[in-house]
Amino acid sequence: MTFRYPDGDETILEHFNLKVPRGTNVAIVGETGAGKSTLVNLVCRFFEPTEGRILIDGRDARERSQLWLHSNIGYVLQTPHLFSGTIRDNLRYGAPDATDEEIMEALKTVSADGIVARSEKGLDTEVGEGGDLLSTGEKQLLSFARAILCDPKILVLDEATSSIDTFTEQVIQNAIGKVIEGRTTFMIAHRLSTVRGADVILVVKGGRIIESGTHRELLAKRGCYHGLWTRQYEAEATEAAFKVLSGREATE
């Protein structure tokens, strides 16, 4: 598969070939601009390949209806987006026939039921234009619940925890562990510690897969992934030490 944006000449993905068995948890990592988000946007059919095909269960994705795609592919993007309307309206976007009980079950699965409990109008609470009446963390939790409400076969998480606070990130990470079982999952993450348990990790650079394997296998290769992991680990250790030092100074 090859992809170029319609208004550009630059090839983002070139001769990209990947076969993913059903139920596999795939993590995609790499530097900014490597082609990670483009890949999942193609899976979701936000774009079409310039050359080649995307097959889902052996059938060209372009032959699938939009209804089928909404029912079988759940996605949570880096920047959560809600529509004007109520919490109920937003969660029913991909599952219009969902009952209130099913909606609440999805909310509980991702620990988002507290948002409804805190709201006087419950599921009838208005979220505002683009969800601007909610915090970023609340919007992300609701978009995650919306993604799993339709019980999708394929789940796409595009840096779904990058724009939220540490506590909410841990809540979502716990939820991810519950909902990916039995589903084919594509997970893009900047923080490598969140994908170390993936069945396979793909390292993408310049629109190509340059390394693939489990976390342990890739570290043993001491290649690009090893470099990414080492730099991130050192940066996080430095940040943690700085926070501890700052906390001590504040109490002195």
C-alpha atoms as a PDB file:
ATOM      1  CA  MET A   1       0.000   0.000   0.000  1.00  0.00           C
ATOM      2  CA  THR A   2       1.180   3.499  -0.873  1.00  0.00           C
ATOM      3  CA  PHE A   3      -0.337   6.778   0.265  1.00  0.00           C
ATOM      4  CA  ARG A   4       0.072  10.432  -0.684  1.00  0.00           C
ATOM      5  CA  TYR A   5      -2.237  13.203   0.472  1.00  0.00           C
ATOM      6  CA  PRO A   6      -4.440  14.434  -2.411  1.00  0.00           C
ATOM      7  CA  ASP A   7      -2.999  17.955  -2.226  1.00  0.00           C
ATOM      8  CA  GLY A   8       0.649  16.940  -1.894  1.00  0.00           C
ATOM      9  CA  ASP A   9       3.418  15.168  -3.776  1.00  0.00           C
ATOM     10  CA  GLU A  10       5.184  13.690  -0.736  1.00  0.00           C
ATOM     11  CA  THR A  11       4.731   9.944  -0.254  1.00  0.00           C
ATOM     12  CA  ILE A  12       3.753   9.339   3.386  1.00  0.00           C
ATOM     13  CA  LEU A  13       3.536   5.529   3.214  1.00  0.00           C
ATOM     14  CA  GLU A  14       5.411   3.615   0.530  1.00  0.00           C
ATOM     15  CA  HIS A  15       4.919  -0.075  -0.335  1.00  0.00           C
ATOM     16  CA  PHE A  16       3.562  -0.627   3.180  1.00  0.00           C
ATOM     17  CA  ASN A  17       2.595  -4.262   3.723  1.00  0.00           C
ATOM     18  CA  LEU A  18       1.162  -5.651   6.939  1.00  0.00           C
ATOM     19  CA  LYS A  19      -0.934  -8.686   7.858  1.00  0.00           C
ATOM     20  CA  VAL A  20      -2.602  -8.640  11.263  1.00  0.00           C
ATOM     21  CA  PRO A  21      -4.295 -11.811  12.592  1.00  0.00           C
ATOM     22  CA  ARG A  22      -7.646 -11.305  14.280  1.00  0.00           C
ATOM     23  CA  GLY A  23      -7.382 -10.448  17.967  1.00  0.00           C
ATOM     24  CA  THR A  24      -3.809  -9.113  17.749  1.00  0.00           C
ATOM     25  CA  ASN A  25      -2.786  -6.088  19.806  1.00  0.00           C
ATOM     26  CA  VAL A  26      -0.536  -4.026  17.508  1.00  0.00           C
ATOM     27  CA  ALA A  27       1.431  -1.044  18.795  1.00  0.00           C
ATOM     28  CA  ILE A  28       2.837   1.484  16.324  1.00  0.00           C
ATOM     29  CA  VAL A  29       5.691   3.715  17.444  1.00  0.00           C
ATOM     30  CA  GLY A  30       8.155   6.086  15.850  1.00  0.00           C
ATOM     31  CA  GLU A  31       9.253   9.684  15.662  1.00  0.00           C
ATOM     32  CA  THR A  32       6.817  12.492  14.812  1.00  0.00           C
ATOM     33  CA  GLY A  33       6.001  12.449  11.098  1.00  0.00           C
ATOM     34  CA  ALA A  34       6.905   8.792  10.611  1.00  0.00           C
ATOM     35  CA  GLY A  35       3.431   7.936   9.260  1.00  0.00           C
ATOM     36  CA  LYS A  36       1.827   6.408  12.363  1.00  0.00           C
ATOM     37  CA  SER A  37      -1.395   8.423  12.420  1.00  0.00           C
ATOM     38  CA  THR A  38      -1.721   8.212   8.643  1.00  0.00           C
ATOM     39  CA  LEU A  39      -1.757   4.433   8.928  1.00  0.00           C
ATOM     40  CA  VAL A  40      -4.647   4.303  11.392  1.00  0.00           C
ATOM     41  CA  ASN A  41      -6.525   7.009   9.471  1.00  0.00           C
ATOM     42  CA  LEU A  42      -6.407   4.672   6.488  1.00  0.00           C
ATOM     43  CA  VAL A  43      -7.684   1.774   8.594  1.00  0.00           C
ATOM     44  CA  CYS A  44     -10.616   3.968   9.677  1.00  0.00           C
ATOM     45  CA  ARG A  45     -11.138   5.051   6.034  1.00  0.00           C
ATOM     46  CA  PHE A  46     -10.646   8.741   6.788  1.00  0.00           C
ATOM     47  CA  PHE A  47      -8.380   8.488   3.725  1.00  0.00           C
ATOM     48  CA  GLU A  48      -8.103   6.006   0.861  1.00  0.00           C
ATOM     49  CA  PRO A  49      -4.816   4.402  -0.273  1.00  0.00           C
ATOM     50  CA  THR A  50      -3.208   6.003  -3.323  1.00  0.00           C
ATOM     51  CA  GLU A  51      -2.196   2.500  -4.394  1.00  0.00           C
ATOM     52  CA  GLY A  52      -3.081  -0.903  -2.991  1.00  0.00           C
ATOM     53  CA  ARG A  53      -5.898  -2.091  -0.750  1.00  0.00           C
ATOM     54  CA  ILE A  54      -6.906  -2.517   2.870  1.00  0.00           C
ATOM     55  CA  LEU A  55      -8.607  -5.845   3.486  1.00  0.00           C
ATOM     56  CA  ILE A  56     -10.785  -6.532   6.515  1.00  0.00           C
ATOM     57  CA  ASP A  57     -11.669 -10.210   6.903  1.00  0.00           C
ATOM     58  CA  GLY A  58     -10.411 -10.692   3.352  1.00  0.00           C
ATOM     59  CA  ARG A  59     -12.699  -8.042   1.849  1.00  0.00           C
ATOM     60  CA  ASP A  60     -11.700  -4.638   0.465  1.00  0.00           C
ATOM     61  CA  ALA A  61     -12.617  -1.987   3.037  1.00  0.00           C
ATOM     62  CA  ARG A  62     -13.986   0.198   0.228  1.00  0.00           C
ATOM     63  CA  GLU A  63     -16.726  -2.373  -0.303  1.00  0.00           C
ATOM     64  CA  ARG A  64     -17.912  -1.977   3.278  1.00  0.00           C
ATOM     65  CA  SER A  65     -20.719   0.461   4.053  1.00  0.00           C
ATOM     66  CA  GLN A  66     -20.212   3.400   6.401  1.00  0.00           C
ATOM     67  CA  LEU A  67     -22.701   1.755   8.775  1.00  0.00           C
ATOM     68  CA  TRP A  68     -20.606  -1.415   8.855  1.00  0.00           C
ATOM     69  CA  LEU A  69     -17.466   0.610   9.535  1.00  0.00           C
ATOM     70  CA  HIS A  70     -19.113   2.571  12.371  1.00  0.00           C
ATOM     71  CA  SER A  71     -20.352  -0.680  13.892  1.00  0.00           C
ATOM     72  CA  ASN A  72     -17.096  -2.625  13.619  1.00  0.00           C
ATOM     73  CA  ILE A  73     -14.321  -0.056  14.029  1.00  0.00           C
ATOM     74  CA  GLY A  74     -14.083   1.945  17.228  1.00  0.00           C
ATOM     75  CA  TYR A  75     -11.542   4.729  17.422  1.00  0.00           C
ATOM     76  CA  VAL A  76     -10.263   7.120  20.057  1.00  0.00           C
ATOM     77  CA  LEU A  77      -8.103   9.910  18.704  1.00  0.00           C
ATOM     78  CA  GLN A  78      -5.458  12.086  20.343  1.00  0.00           C
ATOM     79  CA  THR A  79      -7.792  15.095  20.392  1.00  0.00           C
ATOM     80  CA  PRO A  80     -11.213  13.934  21.644  1.00  0.00           C
ATOM     81  CA  HIS A  81     -14.192  15.272  19.719  1.00  0.00           C
ATOM     82  CA  LEU A  82     -17.762  15.345  20.910  1.00  0.00           C
ATOM     83  CA  PHE A  83     -20.810  16.645  19.072  1.00  0.00           C
ATOM     84  CA  SER A  84     -23.268  19.229  20.342  1.00  0.00           C
ATOM     85  CA  GLY A  85     -25.976  17.444  22.268  1.00  0.00           C
ATOM     86  CA  THR A  86     -26.251  15.282  25.353  1.00  0.00           C
ATOM     87  CA  ILE A  87     -23.955  12.612  26.736  1.00  0.00           C
ATOM     88  CA  ARG A  88     -26.501  10.046  25.533  1.00  0.00           C
ATOM     89  CA  ASP A  89     -26.528  11.507  22.008  1.00  0.00           C
ATOM     90  CA  ASN A  90     -22.758  11.355  21.796  1.00  0.00           C
ATOM     91  CA  LEU A  91     -22.433   7.791  22.991  1.00  0.00           C
ATOM     92  CA  ARG A  92     -25.156   6.588  20.636  1.00  0.00           C
ATOM     93  CA  TYR A  93     -23.313   7.958  17.604  1.00  0.00           C
ATOM     94  CA  GLY A  94     -21.987   4.529  16.620  1.00  0.00           C
ATOM     95  CA  ALA A  95     -24.748   2.510  18.274  1.00  0.00           C
ATOM     96  CA  PRO A  96     -28.053   4.356  17.734  1.00  0.00           C
ATOM     97  CA  ASP A  97     -30.138   1.560  19.259  1.00  0.00           C
ATOM     98  CA  ALA A  98     -28.157   1.318  22.499  1.00  0.00           C
ATOM     99  CA  THR A  99     -30.244   1.354  25.661  1.00  0.00           C
ATOM    100  CA  ASP A 100     -29.460   3.533  28.666  1.00  0.00           C
ATOM    101  CA  GLU A 101     -28.362   0.390  30.510  1.00  0.00           C
ATOM    102  CA  GLU A 102     -25.860  -0.459  27.763  1.00  0.00           C
ATOM    103  CA  ILE A 103     -24.598   3.124  27.737  1.00  0.00           C
ATOM    104  CA  MET A 104     -24.049   3.066  31.497  1.00  0.00           C
ATOM    105  CA  GLU A 105     -22.247  -0.282  31.227  1.00  0.00           C
ATOM    106  CA  ALA A 106     -19.841   1.189  28.648  1.00  0.00           C
ATOM    107  CA  LEU A 107     -19.286   4.202  30.905  1.00  0.00           C
ATOM    108  CA  LYS A 108     -18.568   1.951  33.884  1.00  0.00           C
ATOM    109  CA  THR A 109     -16.104  -0.123  31.861  1.00  0.00           C
ATOM    110  CA  VAL A 110     -13.896   2.947  31.333  1.00  0.00           C
ATOM    111  CA  SER A 111     -14.668   4.422  34.779  1.00  0.00           C
ATOM    112  CA  ALA A 112     -16.575   7.326  33.192  1.00  0.00           C
ATOM    113  CA  ASP A 113     -19.863   6.722  35.011  1.00  0.00           C
ATOM    114  CA  GLY A 114     -18.794   9.295  37.591  1.00  0.00           C
ATOM    115  CA  ILE A 115     -19.229  12.025  34.952  1.00  0.00           C
ATOM    116  CA  VAL A 116     -22.922  11.131  34.728  1.00  0.00           C
ATOM    117  CA  ALA A 117     -23.280  10.715  38.488  1.00  0.00           C
ATOM    118  CA  ARG A 118     -21.894  14.222  39.082  1.00  0.00           C
ATOM    119  CA  SER A 119     -24.269  15.767  36.537  1.00  0.00           C
ATOM    120  CA  GLU A 120     -27.731  16.823  37.674  1.00  0.00           C
ATOM    121  CA  LYS A 121     -29.312  15.755  34.371  1.00  0.00           C
ATOM    122  CA  GLY A 122     -27.387  12.478  34.043  1.00  0.00           C
ATOM    123  CA  LEU A 123     -27.271  11.170  30.477  1.00  0.00           C
ATOM    124  CA  ASP A 124     -29.327  14.218  29.399  1.00  0.00           C
ATOM    125  CA  THR A 125     -26.446  16.547  30.310  1.00  0.00           C
ATOM    126  CA  GLU A 126     -25.441  18.823  27.447  1.00  0.00           C
ATOM    127  CA  VAL A 127     -21.753  18.627  26.530  1.00  0.00           C
ATOM    128  CA  GLY A 128     -21.606  21.924  24.632  1.00  0.00           C
ATOM    129  CA  GLU A 129     -20.135  22.768  21.242  1.00  0.00           C
ATOM    130  CA  GLY A 130     -17.341  20.238  20.668  1.00  0.00           C
ATOM    131  CA  GLY A 131     -17.708  19.161  24.298  1.00  0.00           C
ATOM    132  CA  ASP A 132     -16.465  22.492  25.619  1.00  0.00           C
ATOM    133  CA  LEU A 133     -18.530  22.154  28.808  1.00  0.00           C
ATOM    134  CA  LEU A 134     -16.336  19.217  29.853  1.00  0.00           C
ATOM    135  CA  SER A 135     -12.674  18.856  30.750  1.00  0.00           C
ATOM    136  CA  THR A 136     -10.252  17.237  28.302  1.00  0.00           C
ATOM    137  CA  GLY A 137     -10.096  14.141  30.497  1.00  0.00           C
ATOM    138  CA  GLU A 138     -13.888  13.846  30.638  1.00  0.00           C
ATOM    139  CA  LYS A 139     -14.157  14.216  26.863  1.00  0.00           C
ATOM    140  CA  GLN A 140     -11.547  11.515  26.351  1.00  0.00           C
ATOM    141  CA  LEU A 141     -13.292   9.108  28.720  1.00  0.00           C
ATOM    142  CA  LEU A 142     -16.629   9.675  26.950  1.00  0.00           C
ATOM    143  CA  SER A 143     -15.057   9.173  23.523  1.00  0.00           C
ATOM    144  CA  PHE A 144     -13.513   5.937  24.793  1.00  0.00           C
ATOM    145  CA  ALA A 145     -16.880   4.741  26.095  1.00  0.00           C
ATOM    146  CA  ARG A 146     -18.462   5.658  22.743  1.00  0.00           C
ATOM    147  CA  ALA A 147     -15.840   3.614  20.911  1.00  0.00           C
ATOM    148  CA  ILE A 148     -16.538   0.426  22.860  1.00  0.00           C
ATOM    149  CA  LEU A 149     -20.325   0.791  23.071  1.00  0.00           C
ATOM    150  CA  CYS A 150     -20.778  -0.704  19.601  1.00  0.00           C
ATOM    151  CA  ASP A 151     -18.580  -3.673  20.641  1.00  0.00           C
ATOM    152  CA  PRO A 152     -16.186  -3.160  17.696  1.00  0.00           C
ATOM    153  CA  LYS A 153     -14.098  -5.925  16.167  1.00  0.00           C
ATOM    154  CA  ILE A 154     -11.298  -3.419  15.567  1.00  0.00           C
ATOM    155  CA  LEU A 155     -10.217  -0.777  18.080  1.00  0.00           C
ATOM    156  CA  VAL A 156      -7.952   2.108  17.058  1.00  0.00           C
ATOM    157  CA  LEU A 157      -6.256   4.208  19.742  1.00  0.00           C
ATOM    158  CA  ASP A 158      -4.261   7.124  18.337  1.00  0.00           C
ATOM    159  CA  GLU A 159      -2.247   8.509  21.278  1.00  0.00           C
ATOM    160  CA  ALA A 160      -5.492   8.392  23.248  1.00  0.00           C
ATOM    161  CA  THR A 161      -3.819   9.285  26.562  1.00  0.00           C
ATOM    162  CA  SER A 162      -1.402  11.994  25.429  1.00  0.00           C
ATOM    163  CA  SER A 163      -3.553  15.043  26.248  1.00  0.00           C
ATOM    164  CA  ILE A 164      -4.908  14.078  29.669  1.00  0.00           C
ATOM    165  CA  ASP A 165      -3.717  14.209  33.254  1.00  0.00           C
ATOM    166  CA  THR A 166      -1.765  11.384  34.874  1.00  0.00           C
ATOM    167  CA  PHE A 167      -4.700  10.102  36.949  1.00  0.00           C
ATOM    168  CA  THR A 168      -7.088   9.908  33.975  1.00  0.00           C
ATOM    169  CA  GLU A 169      -4.356   8.280  31.914  1.00  0.00           C
ATOM    170  CA  GLN A 170      -4.074   5.497  34.486  1.00  0.00           C
ATOM    171  CA  VAL A 171      -7.866   5.085  34.483  1.00  0.00           C
ATOM    172  CA  ILE A 172      -7.863   4.697  30.699  1.00  0.00           C
ATOM    173  CA  GLN A 173      -4.872   2.346  30.721  1.00  0.00           C
ATOM    174  CA  ASN A 174      -6.756   0.088  33.129  1.00  0.00           C
ATOM    175  CA  ALA A 175      -9.801   0.227  30.854  1.00  0.00           C
ATOM    176  CA  ILE A 176      -7.713  -0.596  27.777  1.00  0.00           C
ATOM    177  CA  GLY A 177      -6.571  -3.804  29.408  1.00  0.00           C
ATOM    178  CA  LYS A 178     -10.208  -4.846  29.833  1.00  0.00           C
ATOM    179  CA  VAL A 179     -11.536  -4.024  26.375  1.00  0.00           C
ATOM    180  CA  ILE A 180      -8.765  -5.149  24.018  1.00  0.00           C
ATOM    181  CA  GLU A 181      -9.222  -8.830  24.808  1.00  0.00           C
ATOM    182  CA  GLY A 182     -10.577 -10.596  21.741  1.00  0.00           C
ATOM    183  CA  ARG A 183     -10.332  -7.478  19.568  1.00  0.00           C
ATOM    184  CA  THR A 184      -7.861  -6.474  16.906  1.00  0.00           C
ATOM    185  CA  THR A 185      -6.260  -3.341  18.316  1.00  0.00           C
ATOM    186  CA  PHE A 186      -4.042  -0.711  16.725  1.00  0.00           C
ATOM    187  CA  MET A 187      -2.451   1.459  19.361  1.00  0.00           C
ATOM    188  CA  ILE A 188      -0.270   4.480  18.635  1.00  0.00           C
ATOM    189  CA  ALA A 189       1.530   5.784  21.690  1.00  0.00           C
ATOM    190  CA  HIS A 190       4.248   8.326  22.274  1.00  0.00           C
ATOM    191  CA  ARG A 191       4.870   6.956  25.771  1.00  0.00           C
ATOM    192  CA  LEU A 192       6.447   3.568  25.101  1.00  0.00           C
ATOM    193  CA  SER A 193       5.738   2.250  28.582  1.00  0.00           C
ATOM    194  CA  THR A 194       2.045   2.049  27.622  1.00  0.00           C
ATOM    195  CA  VAL A 195       2.657  -0.398  24.747  1.00  0.00           C
ATOM    196  CA  ARG A 196       5.280  -2.741  26.202  1.00  0.00           C
ATOM    197  CA  GLY A 197       2.661  -5.494  26.599  1.00  0.00           C
ATOM    198  CA  ALA A 198       1.540  -5.428  22.948  1.00  0.00           C
ATOM    199  CA  ASP A 199       1.601  -8.669  20.938  1.00  0.00           C
ATOM    200  CA  VAL A 200       3.726  -6.939  18.323  1.00  0.00           C
ATOM    201  CA  ILE A 201       5.334  -3.494  18.202  1.00  0.00           C
ATOM    202  CA  LEU A 202       5.957  -1.899  14.793  1.00  0.00           C
ATOM    203  CA  VAL A 203       8.618   0.782  14.535  1.00  0.00           C
ATOM    204  CA  VAL A 204       7.774   3.083  11.636  1.00  0.00           C
ATOM    205  CA  LYS A 205      10.178   5.509   9.991  1.00  0.00           C
ATOM    206  CA  GLY A 206       9.703   7.367   6.721  1.00  0.00           C
ATOM    207  CA  GLY A 207       6.479   5.489   6.007  1.00  0.00           C
ATOM    208  CA  ARG A 208       8.093   2.052   6.315  1.00  0.00           C
ATOM    209  CA  ILE A 209       8.248  -0.616   9.020  1.00  0.00           C
ATOM    210  CA  ILE A 210      11.903  -0.774  10.013  1.00  0.00           C
ATOM    211  CA  GLU A 211      11.564  -3.046  13.058  1.00  0.00           C
ATOM    212  CA  SER A 212       8.918  -5.347  14.500  1.00  0.00           C
ATOM    213  CA  GLY A 213       8.690  -7.664  17.482  1.00  0.00           C
ATOM    214  CA  THR A 214       7.755  -7.748  21.151  1.00  0.00           C
ATOM    215  CA  HIS A 215       9.115  -5.214  23.603  1.00  0.00           C
ATOM    216  CA  ARG A 216      11.752  -7.650  24.825  1.00  0.00           C
ATOM    217  CA  GLU A 217      12.771  -8.723  21.325  1.00  0.00           C
ATOM    218  CA  LEU A 218      13.176  -5.145  20.122  1.00  0.00           C
ATOM    219  CA  LEU A 219      15.242  -4.135  23.127  1.00  0.00           C
ATOM    220  CA  ALA A 220      17.519  -7.120  22.482  1.00  0.00           C
ATOM    221  CA  LYS A 221      18.098  -5.935  18.878  1.00  0.00           C
ATOM    222  CA  ARG A 222      19.516  -2.652  20.226  1.00  0.00           C
ATOM    223  CA  GLY A 223      18.227  -0.826  17.166  1.00  0.00           C
ATOM    224  CA  CYS A 224      15.877   2.112  16.676  1.00  0.00           C
ATOM    225  CA  TYR A 225      13.345   0.982  19.307  1.00  0.00           C
ATOM    226  CA  HIS A 226      16.103   0.504  21.859  1.00  0.00           C
ATOM    227  CA  GLY A 227      17.226   4.074  21.199  1.00  0.00           C
ATOM    228  CA  LEU A 228      13.699   5.465  21.535  1.00  0.00           C
ATOM    229  CA  TRP A 229      13.138   3.530  24.769  1.00  0.00           C
ATOM    230  CA  THR A 230      16.460   4.577  26.299  1.00  0.00           C
ATOM    231  CA  ARG A 231      16.011   8.278  25.514  1.00  0.00           C
ATOM    232  CA  GLN A 232      12.454   8.290  26.841  1.00  0.00           C
ATOM    233  CA  TYR A 233      13.367   6.375  29.995  1.00  0.00           C
ATOM    234  CA  GLU A 234      16.202   8.801  30.743  1.00  0.00           C
ATOM    235  CA  ALA A 235      13.971  11.821  30.088  1.00  0.00           C
ATOM    236  CA  GLU A 236      11.209  10.497  32.369  1.00  0.00           C
ATOM    237  CA  ALA A 237      13.738   9.668  35.103  1.00  0.00           C
ATOM    238  CA  THR A 238      15.159  13.195  34.896  1.00  0.00           C
ATOM    239  CA  GLU A 239      11.660  14.707  35.036  1.00  0.00           C
ATOM    240  CA  ALA A 240      10.726  12.590  38.058  1.00  0.00           C
ATOM    241  CA  ALA A 241      13.937  13.572  39.874  1.00  0.00           C
ATOM    242  CA  PHE A 242      13.266  17.246  39.127  1.00  0.00           C
ATOM    243  CA  LYS A 243       9.737  16.985  40.557  1.00  0.00           C
ATOM    244  CA  VAL A 244      11.057  15.387  43.741  1.00  0.00           C
ATOM    245  CA  LEU A 245      13.695  18.086  44.073  1.00  0.00           C
ATOM    246  CA  SER A 246      11.153  20.842  43.442  1.00  0.00           C
ATOM    247  CA  GLY A 247       8.853  19.346  46.054  1.00  0.00           C
ATOM    248  CA  ARG A 248      11.614  19.312  48.641  1.00  0.00           C
ATOM    249  CA  GLU A 249      12.522  22.932  47.915  1.00  0.00           C
ATOM    250  CA  ALA A 250       8.898  23.973  48.241  1.00  0.00           C
ATOM    251  CA  THR A 251       8.669  22.478  51.735  1.00  0.00           C
ATOM    252  CA  GLU A 252      11.922  23.986  52.998  1.00  0.00           C
END
